[in-house]
Amino acid sequence: MSNKTVLWIDHREAIIVSLRNNNIETMTVKSGIEKVTDSDNSLPLGNPNGHRGAVSDDVKERINTEHLKTYFGDVLSSISEAGSLYVLGPGEAKGEFVKQMEKNRPATRISAVETAGMMTMPQLVAKAKEYFAKKETTAV
């Protein structure tokens, strides 16, 4: 039996539920992404006087893009054994993740991508069991 995986993902965290035989494994991957503000003190000094200037939109976007690339890479590593993947999430992150996955790991089979709000771990485990049980009965 292949590893069946449900991934709930947004820009802050990914919750992974893997079903293999009768075993359930769960994992959470945090993105570490924080919103970059106009006066982010973690960025280099804006001028020789030591004042930090406003952070331009393109710098914010570049920082965010690099963080997402690293985060999605961490999630991809965490689901490396997925034979069948069901992707859930509330916003744009699920689509962005699927695009990166198709580019970097095209062999992973995506069963479905759906919009879903925040779920507790027990709700996600129940959703995983229900989805794959239904998928098995319709495949027969």
Protein backbone atom coordinates (compact mmCIF):
# COMPACT_ATOMS: atom_id res chain seq x y z
CA MET A 1 0.00 0.00 0.00
CA SER A 2 1.47 3.35 -0.99
CA ASN A 3 1.76 6.25 1.38
CA LYS A 4 -1.38 8.41 1.19
CA THR A 5 -0.77 11.93 2.36
CA VAL A 6 -2.97 14.91 3.15
CA LEU A 7 -1.28 18.30 3.26
CA TRP A 8 -2.99 21.35 4.74
CA ILE A 9 -0.87 24.39 3.92
CA ASP A 10 -0.90 28.16 4.28
CA HIS A 11 1.96 30.66 4.35
CA ARG A 12 2.63 30.13 8.07
CA GLU A 13 2.53 26.35 8.49
CA ALA A 14 1.93 23.02 6.82
CA ILE A 15 0.21 20.12 8.54
CA ILE A 16 0.96 16.71 7.08
CA VAL A 17 -1.03 13.53 7.72
CA SER A 18 0.37 10.32 6.22
CA LEU A 19 -1.55 7.06 6.09
CA ARG A 20 0.35 3.85 5.40
CA ASN A 21 -1.22 0.47 6.07
CA ASN A 22 -2.99 1.13 9.38
CA ASN A 23 -0.46 3.64 10.68
CA ILE A 24 -1.03 7.38 10.91
CA GLU A 25 1.85 9.83 11.08
CA THR A 26 1.40 13.56 11.59
CA MET A 27 3.87 16.40 11.26
CA THR A 28 3.83 20.18 11.29
CA VAL A 29 6.28 22.34 9.34
CA LYS A 30 6.47 26.01 10.34
CA SER A 31 7.39 28.52 7.66
CA GLY A 32 9.18 31.00 9.87
CA ILE A 33 7.80 33.69 7.58
CA GLU A 34 6.91 36.92 9.27
CA LYS A 35 5.47 39.94 7.58
CA VAL A 36 8.22 42.36 6.56
CA THR A 37 7.29 45.85 7.72
CA ASP A 38 8.42 49.16 6.27
CA SER A 39 10.96 49.62 9.04
CA ASP A 40 12.14 46.08 9.59
CA ASN A 41 15.15 46.24 11.93
CA SER A 42 16.52 42.95 10.62
CA LEU A 43 17.30 44.54 7.25
CA PRO A 44 20.60 46.34 6.51
CA LEU A 45 21.00 49.99 7.39
CA GLY A 46 19.45 52.29 4.83
CA ASN A 47 22.14 54.98 4.88
CA PRO A 48 25.54 55.84 6.42
CA ASN A 49 23.91 57.79 9.30
CA GLY A 50 22.56 54.56 10.71
CA HIS A 51 18.91 55.29 10.02
CA ARG A 52 16.85 52.49 8.65
CA GLY A 53 14.82 53.64 5.70
CA ALA A 54 11.56 52.31 4.38
CA VAL A 55 11.71 48.87 2.83
CA SER A 56 10.68 48.97 -0.81
CA ASP A 57 7.95 46.69 -2.10
CA ASP A 58 10.33 44.82 -4.39
CA VAL A 59 12.68 44.07 -1.47
CA LYS A 60 9.75 42.81 0.62
CA GLU A 61 8.60 40.64 -2.28
CA ARG A 62 12.09 39.23 -2.86
CA ILE A 63 12.48 38.38 0.84
CA ASN A 64 9.05 36.75 0.91
CA THR A 65 9.75 34.76 -2.27
CA GLU A 66 13.02 33.39 -0.84
CA HIS A 67 11.33 32.44 2.45
CA LEU A 68 8.53 30.66 0.58
CA LYS A 69 11.01 28.79 -1.60
CA THR A 70 12.81 27.49 1.50
CA TYR A 71 9.54 26.69 3.30
CA PHE A 72 8.07 24.84 0.31
CA GLY A 73 11.37 22.94 -0.02
CA ASP A 74 11.08 21.85 3.62
CA VAL A 75 7.50 20.70 3.03
CA LEU A 76 8.53 18.83 -0.14
CA SER A 77 11.21 16.99 1.84
CA SER A 78 8.63 16.07 4.48
CA ILE A 79 6.28 14.50 1.93
CA SER A 80 8.96 12.76 -0.12
CA GLU A 81 7.34 9.33 0.38
CA ALA A 82 3.85 10.41 -0.66
CA GLY A 83 2.38 8.11 -3.28
CA SER A 84 -0.86 10.04 -3.45
CA LEU A 85 -1.24 13.63 -2.22
CA TYR A 86 -4.41 15.51 -1.27
CA VAL A 87 -3.67 19.24 -0.83
CA LEU A 88 -5.86 21.53 1.27
CA GLY A 89 -5.53 25.13 2.38
CA PRO A 90 -7.37 28.41 2.80
CA GLY A 91 -5.59 30.69 0.35
CA GLU A 92 -2.93 31.06 -2.30
CA ALA A 93 -0.23 28.97 -0.61
CA LYS A 94 -1.69 25.64 -1.74
CA GLY A 95 -1.58 26.68 -5.41
CA GLU A 96 1.90 28.18 -5.06
CA PHE A 97 3.10 24.99 -3.39
CA VAL A 98 1.59 22.77 -6.10
CA LYS A 99 3.36 24.84 -8.79
CA GLN A 100 6.71 24.47 -7.03
CA MET A 101 6.09 20.76 -6.47
CA GLU A 102 5.25 20.15 -10.13
CA LYS A 103 8.45 21.97 -11.08
CA ASN A 104 10.75 20.24 -8.58
CA ARG A 105 9.10 16.87 -7.98
CA PRO A 106 6.79 16.06 -10.91
CA ALA A 107 6.56 12.34 -10.05
CA THR A 108 4.44 12.96 -6.94
CA ARG A 109 0.82 12.23 -7.74
CA ILE A 110 -1.63 14.95 -6.67
CA SER A 111 -5.09 13.47 -6.12
CA ALA A 112 -6.89 16.75 -5.51
CA VAL A 113 -6.42 20.36 -4.44
CA GLU A 114 -9.23 21.94 -2.41
CA THR A 115 -9.91 25.05 -0.38
CA ALA A 116 -10.33 24.39 3.34
CA GLY A 117 -10.14 26.59 6.41
CA MET A 118 -7.95 25.89 9.43
CA MET A 119 -8.42 22.38 10.78
CA THR A 120 -7.33 20.73 14.01
CA MET A 121 -5.08 17.70 13.78
CA PRO A 122 -7.97 15.29 14.63
CA GLN A 123 -10.15 16.93 11.96
CA LEU A 124 -7.38 16.60 9.40
CA VAL A 125 -6.77 12.94 10.29
CA ALA A 126 -10.52 12.27 9.92
CA LYS A 127 -10.55 14.14 6.59
CA ALA A 128 -7.59 12.07 5.35
CA LYS A 129 -9.25 8.77 6.30
CA GLU A 130 -12.57 9.83 4.76
CA TYR A 131 -11.01 11.11 1.53
CA PHE A 132 -8.86 8.07 0.84
CA ALA A 133 -11.57 5.59 1.90
CA LYS A 134 -13.97 7.26 -0.54
CA LYS A 135 -11.29 7.27 -3.23
CA GLU A 136 -10.70 3.52 -2.76
CA THR A 137 -14.41 2.66 -3.01
CA THR A 138 -14.87 4.71 -6.19
CA ALA A 139 -11.78 3.14 -7.77
CA VAL A 140 -13.18 -0.38 -7.41
